[in-house]
Amino acid sequence: MKKIQDSGKVWCKGFKSPVHAVRIDNKIFATGKGEEQTIEYWVDENILCVDLNEPEREIRWAKKFPLDLEPTVSGTLFNGFTYTKHADVLIVSNDEDRIKEKVISGETYRTGQYDSMDSKEFWGEVWNC
């Protein structure tokens, strides 16, 4: 079974600032995490599951990254990686067409108490409805 080996920030060519990423085997995935968001992530079979929550804006994302996506963005490991040697790398972008995403926001976010829901419960709510 695949697992997440490391996480940190990468500087992608053409981006204005470093972005959060995780390493699974020898592949780096940009998660799409913004500075004001909390993140939980895990691997479920052949999918990287990413839960991004931004309570201040009342919005939460559930993203499914297929692990067989090909890295297409050039970049450099920036900081935060503990078990990965600094290097220039190819990165799987967080806006690839095959990434599935569900977004909960506004009134639905408030009334569904999505701000305080744990990641697994949130995942079950949005993907099993």
Protein backbone atom coordinates (compact mmCIF):
# COMPACT_ATOMS: atom_id res chain seq x y z
CA MET A 1 0.00 0.00 0.00
CA LYS A 2 1.26 3.46 -0.88
CA LYS A 3 1.74 6.05 1.84
CA ILE A 4 2.80 9.65 2.26
CA GLN A 5 6.51 9.78 2.99
CA ASP A 6 7.07 13.52 3.40
CA SER A 7 5.55 16.98 3.07
CA GLY A 8 6.77 20.54 2.73
CA LYS A 9 6.76 23.38 0.25
CA VAL A 10 7.87 23.44 -3.36
CA TRP A 11 8.62 26.37 -5.61
CA CYS A 12 6.94 25.72 -8.96
CA LYS A 13 8.17 27.45 -12.08
CA GLY A 14 5.86 30.38 -12.87
CA PHE A 15 4.26 30.56 -9.40
CA LYS A 16 4.56 33.71 -7.25
CA SER A 17 5.26 31.83 -4.02
CA PRO A 18 6.00 28.31 -2.74
CA VAL A 19 3.11 25.84 -2.45
CA HIS A 20 2.39 22.95 -0.10
CA ALA A 21 3.14 19.48 -1.45
CA VAL A 22 3.42 15.87 -0.34
CA ARG A 23 5.69 13.07 -1.56
CA ILE A 24 4.34 9.60 -2.28
CA ASP A 25 7.10 7.27 -3.45
CA ASN A 26 9.13 9.40 -5.88
CA LYS A 27 6.25 11.63 -6.93
CA ILE A 28 5.53 15.14 -5.57
CA PHE A 29 1.89 16.35 -5.48
CA ALA A 30 1.01 20.04 -5.02
CA THR A 31 -2.06 19.95 -2.74
CA GLY A 32 -3.50 23.40 -3.42
CA LYS A 33 -3.35 24.42 0.26
CA GLY A 34 -3.58 28.18 0.83
CA GLU A 35 -1.95 30.00 3.75
CA GLU A 36 -5.24 30.41 5.64
CA GLN A 37 -6.38 26.81 5.20
CA THR A 38 -5.98 23.79 7.41
CA ILE A 39 -5.19 20.54 5.66
CA GLU A 40 -5.55 16.83 6.29
CA TYR A 41 -4.36 14.29 3.75
CA TRP A 42 -4.05 10.52 3.43
CA VAL A 43 -3.80 7.79 0.80
CA ASP A 44 -6.80 5.52 0.16
CA GLU A 45 -5.91 2.77 -2.32
CA ASN A 46 -4.75 4.64 -5.46
CA ILE A 47 -6.02 8.08 -4.44
CA LEU A 48 -4.40 10.95 -2.52
CA CYS A 49 -7.25 12.40 -0.44
CA VAL A 50 -6.94 16.09 0.50
CA ASP A 51 -9.28 17.96 2.86
CA LEU A 52 -8.79 21.75 2.80
CA ASN A 53 -10.78 23.80 5.31
CA GLU A 54 -11.01 27.58 5.57
CA PRO A 55 -13.48 28.41 8.38
CA GLU A 56 -12.99 32.19 8.11
CA ARG A 57 -14.37 32.11 4.55
CA GLU A 58 -16.80 29.24 5.34
CA ILE A 59 -15.49 27.00 2.58
CA ARG A 60 -14.12 23.45 2.50
CA TRP A 61 -12.75 21.33 -0.35
CA ALA A 62 -12.46 17.57 -0.76
CA LYS A 63 -9.99 16.63 -3.50
CA LYS A 64 -9.13 13.23 -4.97
CA PHE A 65 -5.77 13.00 -6.76
CA PRO A 66 -5.26 9.75 -8.71
CA LEU A 67 -1.77 8.49 -7.85
CA ASP A 68 -1.07 7.68 -11.49
CA LEU A 69 -1.14 11.36 -12.53
CA GLU A 70 2.03 12.39 -14.34
CA PRO A 71 4.10 15.28 -12.97
CA THR A 72 4.19 18.14 -15.49
CA VAL A 73 5.35 21.21 -13.56
CA SER A 74 9.04 21.96 -12.99
CA GLY A 75 10.01 23.08 -9.51
CA THR A 76 12.38 22.88 -6.58
CA LEU A 77 11.88 21.54 -3.08
CA PHE A 78 11.69 24.69 -0.96
CA ASN A 79 11.42 23.87 2.75
CA GLY A 80 9.74 21.62 5.29
CA PHE A 81 10.70 18.31 3.70
CA THR A 82 12.42 16.14 6.32
CA TYR A 83 13.02 12.87 4.49
CA THR A 84 13.48 14.16 0.95
CA LYS A 85 16.79 15.43 -0.36
CA HIS A 86 16.71 18.96 -1.81
CA ALA A 87 16.47 18.75 -5.60
CA ASP A 88 14.88 20.08 -8.74
CA VAL A 89 11.76 18.01 -9.32
CA LEU A 90 8.73 17.52 -11.52
CA ILE A 91 5.47 18.12 -9.65
CA VAL A 92 1.88 16.97 -10.14
CA SER A 93 -0.13 20.19 -10.28
CA ASN A 94 -3.27 20.59 -8.16
CA ASP A 95 -5.30 21.66 -11.20
CA GLU A 96 -4.94 18.52 -13.35
CA ASP A 97 -8.14 17.56 -15.19
CA ARG A 98 -8.46 14.16 -13.53
CA ILE A 99 -8.49 15.55 -9.97
CA LYS A 100 -12.02 15.28 -8.59
CA GLU A 101 -13.15 18.05 -6.26
CA LYS A 102 -16.20 18.84 -4.17
CA VAL A 103 -16.69 22.22 -2.49
CA ILE A 104 -18.98 23.06 0.43
CA SER A 105 -19.48 26.75 1.21
CA GLY A 106 -21.75 29.45 2.58
CA GLU A 107 -25.08 28.42 4.07
CA THR A 108 -24.46 24.71 3.44
CA TYR A 109 -21.13 24.99 5.27
CA ARG A 110 -22.76 26.75 8.25
CA THR A 111 -25.86 24.61 8.62
CA GLY A 112 -24.00 21.34 8.06
CA GLN A 113 -21.42 22.23 10.73
CA TYR A 114 -18.62 21.53 8.25
CA ASP A 115 -16.27 23.85 10.16
CA SER A 116 -15.90 21.40 13.07
CA MET A 117 -16.37 18.07 11.27
CA ASP A 118 -13.33 15.76 11.27
CA SER A 119 -11.80 14.86 7.90
CA LYS A 120 -13.10 11.30 7.64
CA GLU A 121 -16.66 12.37 8.50
CA PHE A 122 -16.45 15.26 6.01
CA TRP A 123 -15.13 12.88 3.35
CA GLY A 124 -18.03 10.50 3.94
CA GLU A 125 -20.56 13.32 3.75
CA VAL A 126 -19.39 14.82 0.46
CA TRP A 127 -18.38 11.70 -1.49
CA ASN A 128 -21.10 9.30 -0.33
CA CYS A 129 -24.12 11.53 -0.90
